């Protein structure tokens, strides 16, 4: 039986490696482009589609109910995490803090971190975590909601995330950072545990910001 999570992870790793080996682009590609066919006037017409951020309604660390409209017109970075993660999350958050430090005064940038452990990562827990990180929800939103909704969002982003009692902390998830443009289209995917990858992401963010 095909393990779709493994397939997705292989695709992610392959994409990261491919991007990392290429010369710095002047324009970013669109990721996960697919073609769908339809019949029109007796002819087959092909439409090119680009994956966009899924629609959502989640609470942030301030207890505010937010949805996808908060990223309108903004370059945004997306990841999955949970507070009690003992493995990759501390590294990811240290690297994301570098992104936050660079863009904390830029109203055209937003970071969205989705908790995959909503039972423990309550609004109060997220608020405490945000205070310990020293971040503001104006630029970095820590989001929580029903687990099934979070996992659907992860699947829409093609980012592996699942509950697993055998895993450290009880969950498995990708260390990927996704970069989306001002129109909610995925333009890059990076290893959030690697400082060099995150630095490349910030250079790519500049491309999107300067193209606006």
N, C-alpha and C. Protein backbone atom coordinates (compact mmCIF):
# COMPACT_ATOMS: atom_id res chain seq x y z
N UNK A 1 0.85 -1.20 0.00
CA UNK A 1 0.00 0.00 0.00
C UNK A 1 0.88 1.25 0.00
N UNK A 2 0.58 2.21 -0.86
CA UNK A 2 1.40 3.40 -0.99
C UNK A 2 1.30 4.25 0.26
N UNK A 3 2.43 4.60 0.82
CA UNK A 3 2.49 5.49 1.98
C UNK A 3 2.62 6.92 1.48
N UNK A 4 1.50 7.67 1.45
CA UNK A 4 1.52 9.00 0.88
C UNK A 4 2.40 9.94 1.66
N UNK A 5 2.52 9.72 2.96
CA UNK A 5 3.38 10.60 3.76
C UNK A 5 4.83 10.45 3.34
N UNK A 6 5.23 9.21 3.07
CA UNK A 6 6.60 8.97 2.61
C UNK A 6 6.82 9.60 1.25
N UNK A 7 5.84 9.45 0.37
CA UNK A 7 5.95 10.03 -0.97
C UNK A 7 6.10 11.54 -0.88
N UNK A 8 5.29 12.17 -0.03
CA UNK A 8 5.36 13.62 0.13
C UNK A 8 6.71 14.04 0.67
N UNK A 9 7.20 13.28 1.67
CA UNK A 9 8.48 13.64 2.28
C UNK A 9 9.61 13.51 1.27
N UNK A 10 9.57 12.47 0.42
CA UNK A 10 10.59 12.32 -0.62
C UNK A 10 10.53 13.50 -1.57
N UNK A 11 9.30 13.92 -1.91
CA UNK A 11 9.15 15.08 -2.80
C UNK A 11 9.73 16.32 -2.16
N UNK A 12 9.48 16.52 -0.86
CA UNK A 12 10.00 17.69 -0.15
C UNK A 12 11.51 17.69 -0.15
N UNK A 13 12.10 16.56 0.24
CA UNK A 13 13.56 16.46 0.30
C UNK A 13 14.16 16.70 -1.08
N UNK A 14 13.54 16.10 -2.10
CA UNK A 14 14.04 16.28 -3.46
C UNK A 14 13.95 17.72 -3.92
N UNK A 15 12.87 18.40 -3.56
CA UNK A 15 12.70 19.80 -3.94
C UNK A 15 13.74 20.66 -3.27
N UNK A 16 13.98 20.42 -1.96
CA UNK A 16 14.98 21.18 -1.22
C UNK A 16 16.34 21.00 -1.87
N UNK A 17 16.68 19.75 -2.18
CA UNK A 17 17.98 19.48 -2.77
C UNK A 17 18.13 20.13 -4.14
N UNK A 18 17.06 20.07 -4.94
CA UNK A 18 17.10 20.65 -6.27
C UNK A 18 17.28 22.15 -6.21
N UNK A 19 16.52 22.79 -5.34
CA UNK A 19 16.62 24.24 -5.21
C UNK A 19 18.00 24.64 -4.71
N UNK A 20 18.52 23.87 -3.75
CA UNK A 20 19.80 24.22 -3.16
C UNK A 20 20.95 24.11 -4.13
N UNK A 21 20.84 23.29 -5.18
CA UNK A 21 21.93 23.06 -6.13
C UNK A 21 21.91 24.08 -7.27
N UNK A 22 20.86 24.84 -7.38
CA UNK A 22 20.74 25.74 -8.50
C UNK A 22 21.32 27.11 -8.17
N UNK A 23 21.62 27.88 -9.23
CA UNK A 23 22.06 29.25 -9.06
C UNK A 23 20.90 30.06 -8.49
N UNK A 24 21.25 31.07 -7.69
CA UNK A 24 20.21 31.92 -7.09
C UNK A 24 19.30 32.48 -8.19
N UNK A 25 17.99 32.24 -8.10
CA UNK A 25 17.08 32.71 -9.16
C UNK A 25 16.77 34.19 -9.02
N UNK A 26 16.40 34.81 -10.15
CA UNK A 26 15.95 36.19 -10.10
C UNK A 26 14.44 36.23 -9.88
N UNK A 27 13.80 35.09 -10.14
CA UNK A 27 12.35 34.99 -9.95
C UNK A 27 12.04 33.60 -9.42
N UNK A 28 11.17 33.52 -8.43
CA UNK A 28 10.89 32.23 -7.81
C UNK A 28 9.86 31.44 -8.62
N UNK A 29 10.00 30.11 -8.63
CA UNK A 29 9.02 29.28 -9.32
C UNK A 29 7.75 29.14 -8.48
N UNK A 30 6.72 28.61 -9.09
CA UNK A 30 5.52 28.21 -8.38
C UNK A 30 5.63 26.72 -8.13
N UNK A 31 5.42 26.32 -6.86
CA UNK A 31 5.53 24.91 -6.53
C UNK A 31 4.17 24.22 -6.62
N UNK A 32 4.23 22.90 -6.88
CA UNK A 32 3.05 22.06 -6.98
C UNK A 32 2.06 22.57 -8.04
N UNK A 33 2.59 22.86 -9.22
CA UNK A 33 1.72 23.21 -10.34
C UNK A 33 1.15 21.91 -10.93
N UNK A 34 -0.12 21.90 -11.20
CA UNK A 34 -0.72 20.72 -11.81
C UNK A 34 -1.64 21.13 -12.94
N UNK A 35 -1.91 20.22 -13.83
CA UNK A 35 -2.76 20.49 -14.98
C UNK A 35 -4.02 19.65 -14.90
N UNK A 36 -5.16 20.29 -15.09
CA UNK A 36 -6.43 19.58 -15.12
C UNK A 36 -7.08 19.82 -16.48
N UNK A 37 -7.73 18.79 -17.00
CA UNK A 37 -8.38 18.91 -18.31
C UNK A 37 -9.89 19.07 -18.14
N UNK A 38 -10.49 19.75 -19.10
CA UNK A 38 -11.94 19.91 -19.12
C UNK A 38 -12.38 20.01 -20.58
N UNK A 39 -13.64 19.74 -20.80
CA UNK A 39 -14.17 19.79 -22.16
C UNK A 39 -14.86 21.13 -22.39
N UNK A 40 -14.53 21.75 -23.51
CA UNK A 40 -15.13 23.05 -23.84
C UNK A 40 -15.35 23.12 -25.34
N UNK A 41 -16.61 23.18 -25.76
CA UNK A 41 -16.93 23.25 -27.18
C UNK A 41 -16.46 22.06 -27.96
N UNK A 42 -16.49 20.89 -27.31
CA UNK A 42 -16.07 19.67 -27.98
C UNK A 42 -14.57 19.48 -28.02
N UNK A 43 -13.83 20.40 -27.42
CA UNK A 43 -12.38 20.29 -27.38
C UNK A 43 -11.92 20.12 -25.93
N UNK A 44 -10.78 19.48 -25.78
CA UNK A 44 -10.19 19.33 -24.46
C UNK A 44 -9.30 20.52 -24.17
N UNK A 45 -9.61 21.21 -23.07
CA UNK A 45 -8.85 22.39 -22.66
C UNK A 45 -8.10 22.05 -21.38
N UNK A 46 -6.85 22.48 -21.30
CA UNK A 46 -6.03 22.19 -20.12
C UNK A 46 -5.82 23.45 -19.31
N UNK A 47 -6.10 23.36 -18.02
CA UNK A 47 -5.92 24.48 -17.11
C UNK A 47 -4.73 24.19 -16.19
N UNK A 48 -3.87 25.18 -16.03
CA UNK A 48 -2.74 25.06 -15.12
C UNK A 48 -3.13 25.66 -13.77
N UNK A 49 -3.01 24.87 -12.72
CA UNK A 49 -3.43 25.29 -11.39
C UNK A 49 -2.23 25.33 -10.46
N UNK A 50 -2.21 26.30 -9.55
CA UNK A 50 -1.15 26.44 -8.56
C UNK A 50 -1.76 26.29 -7.17
N UNK A 51 -1.13 25.45 -6.35
CA UNK A 51 -1.66 25.22 -5.00
C UNK A 51 -1.57 26.51 -4.18
N UNK A 52 -2.64 26.81 -3.47
CA UNK A 52 -2.69 28.00 -2.62
C UNK A 52 -2.87 27.58 -1.16
N UNK A 53 -2.67 28.55 -0.26
CA UNK A 53 -2.92 28.31 1.15
C UNK A 53 -4.36 27.86 1.35
N UNK A 54 -4.59 26.84 2.16
CA UNK A 54 -5.97 26.41 2.42
C UNK A 54 -6.75 27.43 3.24
N UNK A 55 -8.04 27.39 3.10
CA UNK A 55 -8.91 28.23 3.94
C UNK A 55 -8.89 27.65 5.36
N UNK A 56 -8.87 28.52 6.37
CA UNK A 56 -8.82 28.04 7.74
C UNK A 56 -9.47 29.04 8.69
N UNK A 57 -9.79 28.58 9.90
CA UNK A 57 -10.26 29.44 10.99
C UNK A 57 -9.67 28.86 12.27
N UNK A 58 -8.67 29.54 12.82
CA UNK A 58 -7.95 29.06 14.00
C UNK A 58 -7.76 30.20 14.98
N UNK A 59 -7.42 29.86 16.22
CA UNK A 59 -7.14 30.87 17.23
C UNK A 59 -5.65 31.09 17.37
N UNK A 60 -5.26 32.36 17.55
CA UNK A 60 -3.86 32.66 17.77
C UNK A 60 -3.56 32.77 19.26
N UNK A 61 -2.32 33.13 19.59
CA UNK A 61 -1.90 33.18 20.99
C UNK A 61 -2.59 34.27 21.80
N UNK A 62 -3.26 35.19 21.11
CA UNK A 62 -4.01 36.23 21.80
C UNK A 62 -5.47 35.84 22.03
N UNK A 63 -5.84 34.64 21.55
CA UNK A 63 -7.22 34.20 21.68
C UNK A 63 -8.12 34.72 20.57
N UNK A 64 -7.53 35.34 19.55
CA UNK A 64 -8.31 35.89 18.45
C UNK A 64 -8.56 34.80 17.40
N UNK A 65 -9.78 34.76 16.89
CA UNK A 65 -10.10 33.85 15.80
C UNK A 65 -9.66 34.50 14.50
N UNK A 66 -8.74 33.85 13.79
CA UNK A 66 -8.20 34.42 12.56
C UNK A 66 -8.40 33.45 11.41
N UNK A 67 -8.39 33.97 10.19
CA UNK A 67 -8.54 33.12 9.02
C UNK A 67 -7.52 33.54 7.96
N UNK A 68 -7.68 32.98 6.77
CA UNK A 68 -6.68 33.19 5.72
C UNK A 68 -6.58 34.64 5.26
N UNK A 69 -7.56 35.48 5.60
CA UNK A 69 -7.51 36.87 5.16
C UNK A 69 -6.40 37.66 5.85
N UNK A 70 -5.83 37.13 6.95
CA UNK A 70 -4.77 37.87 7.64
C UNK A 70 -3.50 37.95 6.80
N UNK A 71 -3.38 37.12 5.76
CA UNK A 71 -2.17 37.15 4.95
C UNK A 71 -2.36 37.89 3.63
N UNK A 72 -3.50 38.50 3.44
CA UNK A 72 -3.76 39.19 2.18
C UNK A 72 -2.69 40.25 1.93
N UNK A 73 -2.04 40.14 0.76
CA UNK A 73 -1.03 41.11 0.39
C UNK A 73 0.29 40.97 1.10
N UNK A 74 0.48 39.89 1.87
CA UNK A 74 1.71 39.71 2.64
C UNK A 74 2.50 38.50 2.14
N UNK A 75 3.81 38.62 2.20
CA UNK A 75 4.68 37.46 2.06
C UNK A 75 4.63 36.72 3.39
N UNK A 76 4.41 35.40 3.37
CA UNK A 76 4.28 34.71 4.64
C UNK A 76 5.00 33.37 4.64
N UNK A 77 5.42 32.99 5.85
CA UNK A 77 6.14 31.75 6.09
C UNK A 77 5.29 30.88 6.98
N UNK A 78 5.22 29.58 6.66
CA UNK A 78 4.35 28.65 7.37
C UNK A 78 5.17 27.46 7.86
N UNK A 79 4.88 27.01 9.10
CA UNK A 79 5.48 25.76 9.58
C UNK A 79 4.55 25.07 10.55
N UNK A 80 4.90 23.84 10.92
CA UNK A 80 4.18 23.04 11.90
C UNK A 80 5.11 22.80 13.09
N UNK A 81 4.54 22.80 14.30
CA UNK A 81 5.35 22.62 15.51
C UNK A 81 4.46 22.17 16.65
N UNK A 82 5.05 21.86 17.79
CA UNK A 82 4.31 21.78 19.05
C UNK A 82 5.27 22.11 20.18
N UNK A 83 4.74 22.73 21.22
CA UNK A 83 5.57 23.30 22.28
C UNK A 83 6.45 22.26 22.95
N UNK A 84 5.91 21.07 23.20
CA UNK A 84 6.65 20.04 23.93
C UNK A 84 7.52 19.17 23.03
N UNK A 85 7.72 19.58 21.80
CA UNK A 85 8.57 18.83 20.87
C UNK A 85 10.02 18.83 21.37
N UNK A 86 10.59 17.65 21.62
CA UNK A 86 11.95 17.59 22.15
C UNK A 86 13.03 17.42 21.09
N UNK A 87 12.64 17.41 19.82
CA UNK A 87 13.61 17.09 18.77
C UNK A 87 13.90 18.30 17.89
N UNK A 88 13.15 18.45 16.78
CA UNK A 88 13.51 19.48 15.81
C UNK A 88 12.91 20.87 16.09
N UNK A 89 11.84 20.95 16.87
CA UNK A 89 11.15 22.24 17.06
C UNK A 89 12.05 23.32 17.68
N UNK A 90 12.84 23.02 18.71
CA UNK A 90 13.70 24.07 19.25
C UNK A 90 14.66 24.64 18.21
N UNK A 91 15.17 23.79 17.32
CA UNK A 91 16.06 24.27 16.26
C UNK A 91 15.28 25.13 15.27
N UNK A 92 14.09 24.65 14.90
CA UNK A 92 13.26 25.39 13.95
C UNK A 92 12.90 26.77 14.50
N UNK A 93 12.53 26.81 15.77
CA UNK A 93 12.12 28.09 16.34
C UNK A 93 13.29 29.04 16.49
N UNK A 94 14.49 28.51 16.79
CA UNK A 94 15.68 29.36 16.84
C UNK A 94 15.94 29.97 15.47
N UNK A 95 15.79 29.17 14.42
CA UNK A 95 15.99 29.69 13.06
C UNK A 95 14.88 30.66 12.66
N UNK A 96 13.64 30.36 13.07
CA UNK A 96 12.54 31.26 12.73
C UNK A 96 12.67 32.58 13.47
N UNK A 97 13.28 32.57 14.63
CA UNK A 97 13.52 33.82 15.35
C UNK A 97 14.42 34.75 14.55
N UNK A 98 15.33 34.19 13.77
CA UNK A 98 16.17 35.02 12.90
C UNK A 98 15.33 35.69 11.82
N UNK A 99 14.35 34.94 11.30
CA UNK A 99 13.43 35.50 10.31
C UNK A 99 12.61 36.62 10.96
N UNK A 100 12.11 36.33 12.15
CA UNK A 100 11.30 37.33 12.88
C UNK A 100 12.10 38.59 13.16
N UNK A 101 13.35 38.43 13.60
CA UNK A 101 14.18 39.59 13.93
C UNK A 101 14.39 40.48 12.71
N UNK A 102 14.54 39.86 11.54
CA UNK A 102 14.77 40.64 10.33
C UNK A 102 13.53 41.38 9.86
N UNK A 103 12.35 40.78 10.07
CA UNK A 103 11.13 41.33 9.48
C UNK A 103 10.11 41.83 10.51
N UNK A 104 10.49 41.92 11.77
CA UNK A 104 9.51 42.27 12.80
C UNK A 104 8.90 43.66 12.62
N UNK A 105 9.58 44.52 11.87
CA UNK A 105 9.05 45.86 11.64
C UNK A 105 8.48 46.02 10.23
N UNK A 106 8.37 44.90 9.51
CA UNK A 106 7.87 44.96 8.14
C UNK A 106 6.42 44.51 8.10
N UNK A 107 5.49 45.41 7.82
CA UNK A 107 4.06 45.05 7.82
C UNK A 107 3.66 44.14 6.67
N UNK A 108 4.58 43.90 5.73
CA UNK A 108 4.27 43.08 4.57
C UNK A 108 4.71 41.62 4.74
N UNK A 109 5.09 41.25 5.95
CA UNK A 109 5.56 39.89 6.24
C UNK A 109 4.79 39.34 7.44
N UNK A 110 4.44 38.05 7.38
CA UNK A 110 3.77 37.40 8.50
C UNK A 110 4.24 35.95 8.60
N UNK A 111 4.45 35.48 9.82
CA UNK A 111 4.83 34.09 10.08
C UNK A 111 3.63 33.39 10.72
N UNK A 112 3.32 32.18 10.23
CA UNK A 112 2.23 31.38 10.79
C UNK A 112 2.78 30.03 11.23
N UNK A 113 2.75 29.76 12.54
CA UNK A 113 3.20 28.48 13.07
C UNK A 113 1.98 27.74 13.61
N UNK A 114 1.70 26.56 13.05
CA UNK A 114 0.52 25.78 13.41
C UNK A 114 0.89 24.70 14.42
N UNK A 115 0.24 24.69 15.58
CA UNK A 115 0.49 23.64 16.56
C UNK A 115 -0.27 22.37 16.16
N UNK A 116 0.44 21.24 16.17
CA UNK A 116 -0.21 19.96 15.86
C UNK A 116 -0.60 19.22 17.15
N UNK A 117 -0.46 19.91 18.30
CA UNK A 117 -0.79 19.32 19.60
C UNK A 117 -1.76 20.24 20.34
N UNK A 118 -2.97 20.44 19.80
CA UNK A 118 -3.89 21.42 20.37
C UNK A 118 -4.37 21.09 21.78
N UNK A 119 -4.33 19.81 22.17
CA UNK A 119 -4.78 19.45 23.52
C UNK A 119 -3.89 20.10 24.58
N UNK A 120 -2.60 20.09 24.34
CA UNK A 120 -1.67 20.73 25.29
C UNK A 120 -1.37 22.18 24.92
N UNK A 121 -1.34 22.45 23.63
CA UNK A 121 -1.02 23.81 23.18
C UNK A 121 -2.29 24.66 23.14
N UNK A 122 -2.78 24.96 24.32
CA UNK A 122 -3.96 25.82 24.45
C UNK A 122 -3.57 27.26 24.13
N UNK A 123 -4.57 28.12 24.06
CA UNK A 123 -4.28 29.54 23.82
C UNK A 123 -3.38 30.09 24.91
N UNK A 124 -3.65 29.73 26.17
CA UNK A 124 -2.81 30.21 27.27
C UNK A 124 -1.39 29.69 27.15
N UNK A 125 -1.23 28.43 26.74
CA UNK A 125 0.11 27.85 26.57
C UNK A 125 0.85 28.53 25.43
N UNK A 126 0.14 28.82 24.35
CA UNK A 126 0.76 29.50 23.22
C UNK A 126 1.17 30.92 23.59
N UNK A 127 0.34 31.59 24.37
CA UNK A 127 0.66 32.95 24.81
C UNK A 127 1.92 32.94 25.67
N UNK A 128 2.01 31.99 26.58
CA UNK A 128 3.20 31.88 27.43
C UNK A 128 4.44 31.59 26.57
N UNK A 129 4.28 30.71 25.60
CA UNK A 129 5.40 30.35 24.72
C UNK A 129 5.83 31.56 23.89
N UNK A 130 4.87 32.32 23.39
CA UNK A 130 5.17 33.52 22.61
C UNK A 130 5.93 34.53 23.46
N UNK A 131 5.50 34.67 24.72
CA UNK A 131 6.19 35.61 25.62
C UNK A 131 7.62 35.16 25.87
N UNK A 132 7.81 33.86 26.00
CA UNK A 132 9.17 33.34 26.23
C UNK A 132 10.04 33.53 24.99
N UNK A 133 9.43 33.43 23.80
CA UNK A 133 10.18 33.68 22.57
C UNK A 133 10.42 35.17 22.36
N UNK A 134 9.59 36.00 22.99
CA UNK A 134 9.70 37.45 22.81
C UNK A 134 9.15 37.92 21.49
N UNK A 135 8.04 37.31 21.05
CA UNK A 135 7.46 37.64 19.74
C UNK A 135 6.09 38.29 19.88
N UNK A 136 5.72 39.03 18.86
CA UNK A 136 4.42 39.69 18.81
C UNK A 136 3.53 39.03 17.76
N UNK A 137 2.24 38.92 18.07
CA UNK A 137 1.31 38.31 17.12
C UNK A 137 1.12 39.18 15.88
N UNK A 138 1.54 40.43 15.95
CA UNK A 138 1.44 41.31 14.79
C UNK A 138 2.27 40.77 13.63
N UNK A 139 3.39 40.09 13.98
CA UNK A 139 4.27 39.58 12.93
C UNK A 139 4.39 38.05 12.94
N UNK A 140 4.06 37.40 14.09
CA UNK A 140 4.22 35.95 14.19
C UNK A 140 3.03 35.37 14.94
N UNK A 141 2.20 34.63 14.22
CA UNK A 141 0.99 34.05 14.80
C UNK A 141 1.24 32.57 15.14
N UNK A 142 1.00 32.22 16.40
CA UNK A 142 1.00 30.81 16.82
C UNK A 142 -0.44 30.36 16.83
N UNK A 143 -0.77 29.35 16.01
CA UNK A 143 -2.16 29.00 15.76
C UNK A 143 -2.53 27.63 16.31
N UNK A 144 -3.73 27.54 16.84
CA UNK A 144 -4.24 26.26 17.35
C UNK A 144 -5.71 26.11 16.98
N UNK A 145 -6.16 24.87 16.98
CA UNK A 145 -7.55 24.57 16.64
C UNK A 145 -7.75 23.07 16.72
N UNK A 146 -8.90 22.56 16.29
CA UNK A 146 -9.13 21.12 16.30
C UNK A 146 -8.03 20.37 15.55
N UNK A 147 -7.59 19.25 16.12
CA UNK A 147 -6.50 18.51 15.52
C UNK A 147 -6.79 18.11 14.08
N UNK A 148 -8.03 17.70 13.80
CA UNK A 148 -8.37 17.28 12.44
C UNK A 148 -8.21 18.43 11.46
N UNK A 149 -8.50 19.65 11.90
CA UNK A 149 -8.36 20.82 11.03
C UNK A 149 -6.88 21.11 10.77
N UNK A 150 -6.06 21.01 11.82
CA UNK A 150 -4.63 21.26 11.66
C UNK A 150 -4.02 20.24 10.70
N UNK A 151 -4.40 18.98 10.86
CA UNK A 151 -3.84 17.94 10.00
C UNK A 151 -4.30 18.11 8.54
N UNK A 152 -5.52 18.60 8.34
CA UNK A 152 -5.99 18.88 6.98
C UNK A 152 -5.18 20.01 6.36
N UNK A 153 -4.84 21.01 7.18
CA UNK A 153 -4.02 22.11 6.68
C UNK A 153 -2.63 21.60 6.31
N UNK A 154 -2.06 20.75 7.18
CA UNK A 154 -0.74 20.17 6.90
C UNK A 154 -0.77 19.38 5.60
N UNK A 155 -1.83 18.61 5.41
CA UNK A 155 -1.96 17.81 4.18
C UNK A 155 -2.08 18.71 2.96
N UNK A 156 -2.82 19.80 3.10
CA UNK A 156 -2.97 20.74 1.99
C UNK A 156 -1.64 21.37 1.61
N UNK A 157 -0.79 21.57 2.60
CA UNK A 157 0.54 22.12 2.35
C UNK A 157 1.53 21.04 1.93
N UNK A 158 1.08 19.78 1.90
CA UNK A 158 1.94 18.65 1.59
C UNK A 158 3.06 18.48 2.62
N UNK A 159 2.76 18.81 3.86
CA UNK A 159 3.73 18.71 4.95
C UNK A 159 3.33 17.56 5.87
N UNK A 160 4.15 16.52 6.02
CA UNK A 160 3.79 15.39 6.89
C UNK A 160 3.62 15.83 8.34
N UNK A 161 2.53 15.37 8.96
CA UNK A 161 2.28 15.62 10.38
C UNK A 161 1.29 14.57 10.86
N UNK A 162 1.62 13.90 11.96
CA UNK A 162 0.72 12.89 12.48
C UNK A 162 1.00 12.61 13.95
N UNK A 163 -0.02 12.12 14.62
CA UNK A 163 0.13 11.71 16.01
C UNK A 163 0.72 10.30 16.02
N UNK A 164 1.73 10.10 16.89
CA UNK A 164 2.41 8.81 16.96
C UNK A 164 2.94 8.63 18.38
N UNK A 165 2.34 7.70 19.11
CA UNK A 165 2.71 7.51 20.52
C UNK A 165 4.15 7.04 20.68
N UNK A 166 4.73 6.50 19.61
CA UNK A 166 6.11 6.01 19.69
C UNK A 166 7.13 7.12 19.46
N UNK A 167 6.68 8.26 18.93
CA UNK A 167 7.60 9.35 18.61
C UNK A 167 7.87 10.20 19.84
N UNK A 168 9.05 10.80 19.94
CA UNK A 168 9.35 11.72 21.04
C UNK A 168 8.32 12.85 21.09
N UNK A 169 7.65 13.00 22.22
CA UNK A 169 6.63 14.02 22.35
C UNK A 169 5.27 13.62 21.84
N UNK A 170 5.18 12.44 21.15
CA UNK A 170 3.89 11.93 20.71
C UNK A 170 3.46 12.33 19.32
N UNK A 171 4.32 13.05 18.58
CA UNK A 171 3.96 13.49 17.24
C UNK A 171 5.16 13.40 16.30
N UNK A 172 4.85 13.18 15.02
CA UNK A 172 5.84 13.26 13.96
C UNK A 172 5.44 14.40 13.03
N UNK A 173 6.41 15.20 12.61
CA UNK A 173 6.09 16.26 11.66
C UNK A 173 7.33 16.70 10.92
N UNK A 174 7.10 17.37 9.82
CA UNK A 174 8.18 17.88 8.98
C UNK A 174 8.83 19.10 9.60
N UNK A 175 10.10 19.29 9.28
CA UNK A 175 10.80 20.50 9.70
C UNK A 175 10.81 21.56 8.62
N UNK A 176 9.91 21.45 7.65
CA UNK A 176 9.90 22.37 6.51
C UNK A 176 9.33 23.74 6.87
N UNK A 177 9.93 24.77 6.28
CA UNK A 177 9.36 26.11 6.24
C UNK A 177 8.83 26.32 4.82
N UNK A 178 7.59 26.73 4.69
CA UNK A 178 7.01 27.03 3.38
C UNK A 178 6.93 28.53 3.20
N UNK A 179 7.33 28.98 2.02
CA UNK A 179 7.26 30.41 1.68
C UNK A 179 6.13 30.62 0.68
N UNK A 180 5.22 31.53 1.02
CA UNK A 180 4.09 31.84 0.15
C UNK A 180 4.11 33.31 -0.21
N UNK A 181 3.61 33.61 -1.39
CA UNK A 181 3.63 35.00 -1.85
C UNK A 181 2.39 35.76 -1.42
N UNK A 182 2.27 36.98 -1.92
CA UNK A 182 1.19 37.87 -1.52
C UNK A 182 -0.18 37.38 -2.01
N UNK A 183 -0.18 36.40 -2.89
CA UNK A 183 -1.44 35.83 -3.39
C UNK A 183 -1.68 34.42 -2.87
N UNK A 184 -0.98 34.05 -1.77
CA UNK A 184 -1.17 32.78 -1.07
C UNK A 184 -0.72 31.57 -1.88
N UNK A 185 0.26 31.78 -2.79
CA UNK A 185 0.77 30.69 -3.60
C UNK A 185 2.13 30.24 -3.08
N UNK A 186 2.34 28.93 -3.04
CA UNK A 186 3.60 28.39 -2.52
C UNK A 186 4.72 28.66 -3.52
N UNK A 187 5.79 29.32 -3.03
CA UNK A 187 6.89 29.68 -3.90
C UNK A 187 8.22 29.04 -3.50
N UNK A 188 8.25 28.41 -2.33
CA UNK A 188 9.50 27.76 -1.91
C UNK A 188 9.28 26.91 -0.68
N UNK A 189 10.14 25.90 -0.53
CA UNK A 189 10.10 25.04 0.65
C UNK A 189 11.53 24.79 1.10
N UNK A 190 11.78 24.89 2.40
CA UNK A 190 13.13 24.93 2.93
C UNK A 190 13.21 24.09 4.21
N UNK A 191 14.38 23.57 4.49
CA UNK A 191 14.60 22.81 5.71
C UNK A 191 14.79 23.79 6.87
N UNK A 192 13.80 23.86 7.72
CA UNK A 192 13.82 24.81 8.83
C UNK A 192 14.81 24.48 9.92
N UNK A 193 15.46 23.32 9.83
CA UNK A 193 16.47 22.96 10.83
C UNK A 193 17.88 23.34 10.36
N UNK A 194 17.99 23.84 9.13
CA UNK A 194 19.29 24.19 8.58
C UNK A 194 19.40 25.71 8.41
N UNK A 195 20.37 26.30 9.09
CA UNK A 195 20.53 27.75 9.06
C UNK A 195 20.73 28.28 7.64
N UNK A 196 21.54 27.55 6.83
CA UNK A 196 21.78 27.98 5.46
C UNK A 196 20.52 27.99 4.63
N UNK A 197 19.63 27.02 4.84
CA UNK A 197 18.37 26.97 4.11
C UNK A 197 17.48 28.15 4.49
N UNK A 198 17.48 28.50 5.77
CA UNK A 198 16.65 29.61 6.23
C UNK A 198 17.19 30.93 5.70
N UNK A 199 18.50 31.05 5.62
CA UNK A 199 19.09 32.25 5.04
C UNK A 199 18.70 32.38 3.57
N UNK A 200 18.68 31.25 2.85
CA UNK A 200 18.24 31.28 1.46
C UNK A 200 16.77 31.69 1.36
N UNK A 201 15.96 31.19 2.28
CA UNK A 201 14.56 31.56 2.29
C UNK A 201 14.39 33.07 2.44
N UNK A 202 15.20 33.67 3.32
CA UNK A 202 15.09 35.12 3.51
C UNK A 202 15.52 35.88 2.27
N UNK A 203 16.50 35.35 1.53
CA UNK A 203 16.86 35.98 0.26
C UNK A 203 15.71 35.87 -0.74
N UNK A 204 15.05 34.74 -0.73
CA UNK A 204 13.89 34.56 -1.60
C UNK A 204 12.72 35.45 -1.18
N UNK A 205 12.59 35.68 0.11
CA UNK A 205 11.55 36.60 0.59
C UNK A 205 11.78 37.99 0.02
N UNK A 206 13.04 38.39 -0.07
CA UNK A 206 13.35 39.69 -0.63
C UNK A 206 12.92 39.78 -2.09
N UNK A 207 13.09 38.68 -2.83
CA UNK A 207 12.64 38.66 -4.22
C UNK A 207 11.15 38.93 -4.32
N UNK A 208 10.39 38.28 -3.44
CA UNK A 208 8.93 38.48 -3.46
C UNK A 208 8.54 39.89 -3.02
N UNK A 209 9.21 40.38 -1.99
CA UNK A 209 8.89 41.73 -1.50
C UNK A 209 9.23 42.80 -2.52
N UNK A 210 10.34 42.61 -3.21
CA UNK A 210 10.76 43.60 -4.20
C UNK A 210 9.95 43.54 -5.48
N UNK A 211 9.31 42.37 -5.70
CA UNK A 211 8.50 42.22 -6.92
C UNK A 211 7.11 42.81 -6.75
N UNK A 212 6.74 43.09 -5.52
CA UNK A 212 5.36 43.57 -5.26
C UNK A 212 5.13 44.96 -5.85
